[in-house]
Amino acid sequence: MSERLRVRVGRYLRERRNFVTVGTVVSGVPFAAAELWIAGAHGGVGWWLFLVALAFAASWLCALGLWFVMEDDLKKISEAEKGHPR
């Protein structure tokens, strides 16, 4: 990944709301698909909606926890922008 792209991504992800939203979607979609593939045949539409809601709730919790772990690193990456010309 080029340094400039890395800085732009870091600048976008340094906001908690952006980081958690991206993390939830990126991990929630495959997790929901896997849950539906594995356990979707055991119920109807209500069961499927429950599985999808469960997947996104778990992904949101994981993204929120990851934010607290990576917050300082993301801010350091985004501050590297100051040394780069635009």
Protein backbone atom coordinates (compact mmCIF):
# COMPACT_ATOMS: atom_id res chain seq x y z
CA MET A 1 0.00 0.00 0.00
CA SER A 2 1.44 3.37 -0.90
CA GLU A 3 2.29 5.70 1.95
CA ARG A 4 -0.17 8.36 0.79
CA LEU A 5 -3.07 5.89 0.62
CA ARG A 6 -2.11 4.53 4.02
CA VAL A 7 -2.26 8.02 5.50
CA ARG A 8 -5.67 8.73 3.93
CA VAL A 9 -7.07 5.46 5.26
CA GLY A 10 -5.62 6.21 8.68
CA ARG A 11 -7.12 9.70 8.61
CA TYR A 12 -10.56 8.25 7.80
CA LEU A 13 -10.33 5.47 10.38
CA ARG A 14 -9.08 7.65 13.22
CA GLU A 15 -12.69 8.64 13.87
CA ARG A 16 -14.33 6.10 16.18
CA ARG A 17 -17.63 6.13 14.32
CA ASN A 18 -15.97 5.44 10.96
CA PHE A 19 -13.77 2.69 12.35
CA VAL A 20 -16.61 0.86 14.08
CA THR A 21 -18.90 1.19 11.05
CA VAL A 22 -16.31 -0.15 8.63
CA GLY A 23 -15.30 -2.93 11.02
CA THR A 24 -18.89 -3.98 11.60
CA VAL A 25 -19.73 -4.17 7.90
CA VAL A 26 -16.47 -5.80 6.85
CA SER A 27 -16.70 -8.56 9.45
CA GLY A 28 -20.50 -8.74 9.78
CA VAL A 29 -21.35 -9.58 6.18
CA PRO A 30 -19.15 -12.69 5.92
CA PHE A 31 -20.11 -13.77 9.44
CA ALA A 32 -23.82 -13.45 8.64
CA ALA A 33 -23.35 -15.34 5.38
CA ALA A 34 -21.52 -18.14 7.19
CA GLU A 35 -24.20 -18.35 9.87
CA LEU A 36 -26.95 -18.53 7.28
CA TRP A 37 -25.06 -21.16 5.34
CA ILE A 38 -24.46 -23.30 8.43
CA ALA A 39 -27.72 -22.90 10.38
CA GLY A 40 -30.16 -21.27 7.95
CA ALA A 41 -31.85 -24.52 6.96
CA HIS A 42 -33.13 -25.04 10.50
CA GLY A 43 -35.71 -22.25 10.44
CA GLY A 44 -37.65 -19.70 8.47
CA VAL A 45 -37.36 -16.00 7.84
CA GLY A 46 -37.52 -15.08 11.53
CA TRP A 47 -34.62 -17.41 12.27
CA TRP A 48 -32.61 -15.92 9.39
CA LEU A 49 -33.20 -12.38 10.64
CA PHE A 50 -32.14 -13.44 14.13
CA LEU A 51 -28.92 -14.95 12.78
CA VAL A 52 -28.11 -11.82 10.78
CA ALA A 53 -28.83 -9.59 13.79
CA LEU A 54 -26.66 -11.81 15.96
CA ALA A 55 -23.82 -11.66 13.44
CA PHE A 56 -23.90 -7.88 13.21
CA ALA A 57 -24.19 -7.44 16.98
CA ALA A 58 -21.15 -9.65 17.52
CA SER A 59 -19.25 -7.83 14.76
CA TRP A 60 -20.11 -4.47 16.30
CA LEU A 61 -18.78 -5.60 19.68
CA CYS A 62 -15.58 -6.89 18.07
CA ALA A 63 -15.09 -3.65 16.12
CA LEU A 64 -15.66 -1.57 19.24
CA GLY A 65 -13.15 -3.63 21.21
CA LEU A 66 -10.66 -3.41 18.36
CA TRP A 67 -11.06 0.37 18.37
CA PHE A 68 -9.89 0.57 21.96
CA VAL A 69 -6.87 -1.60 21.12
CA MET A 70 -5.86 0.24 17.93
CA GLU A 71 -6.88 3.83 18.69
CA ASP A 72 -3.36 5.08 19.45
CA ASP A 73 -1.82 3.35 16.42
CA LEU A 74 -4.41 4.79 14.05
CA LYS A 75 -3.82 8.28 15.38
CA LYS A 76 -0.06 7.87 14.86
CA ILE A 77 -0.60 6.75 11.26
CA SER A 78 -2.91 9.65 10.53
CA GLU A 79 -0.46 12.11 12.06
CA ALA A 80 2.20 10.91 9.62
CA GLU A 81 0.34 13.01 7.07
CA LYS A 82 2.04 16.12 8.45
CA GLY A 83 5.37 14.98 7.06
CA HIS A 84 4.02 14.40 3.55
CA PRO A 85 3.43 17.08 0.94
CA ARG A 86 -0.02 17.14 -0.63
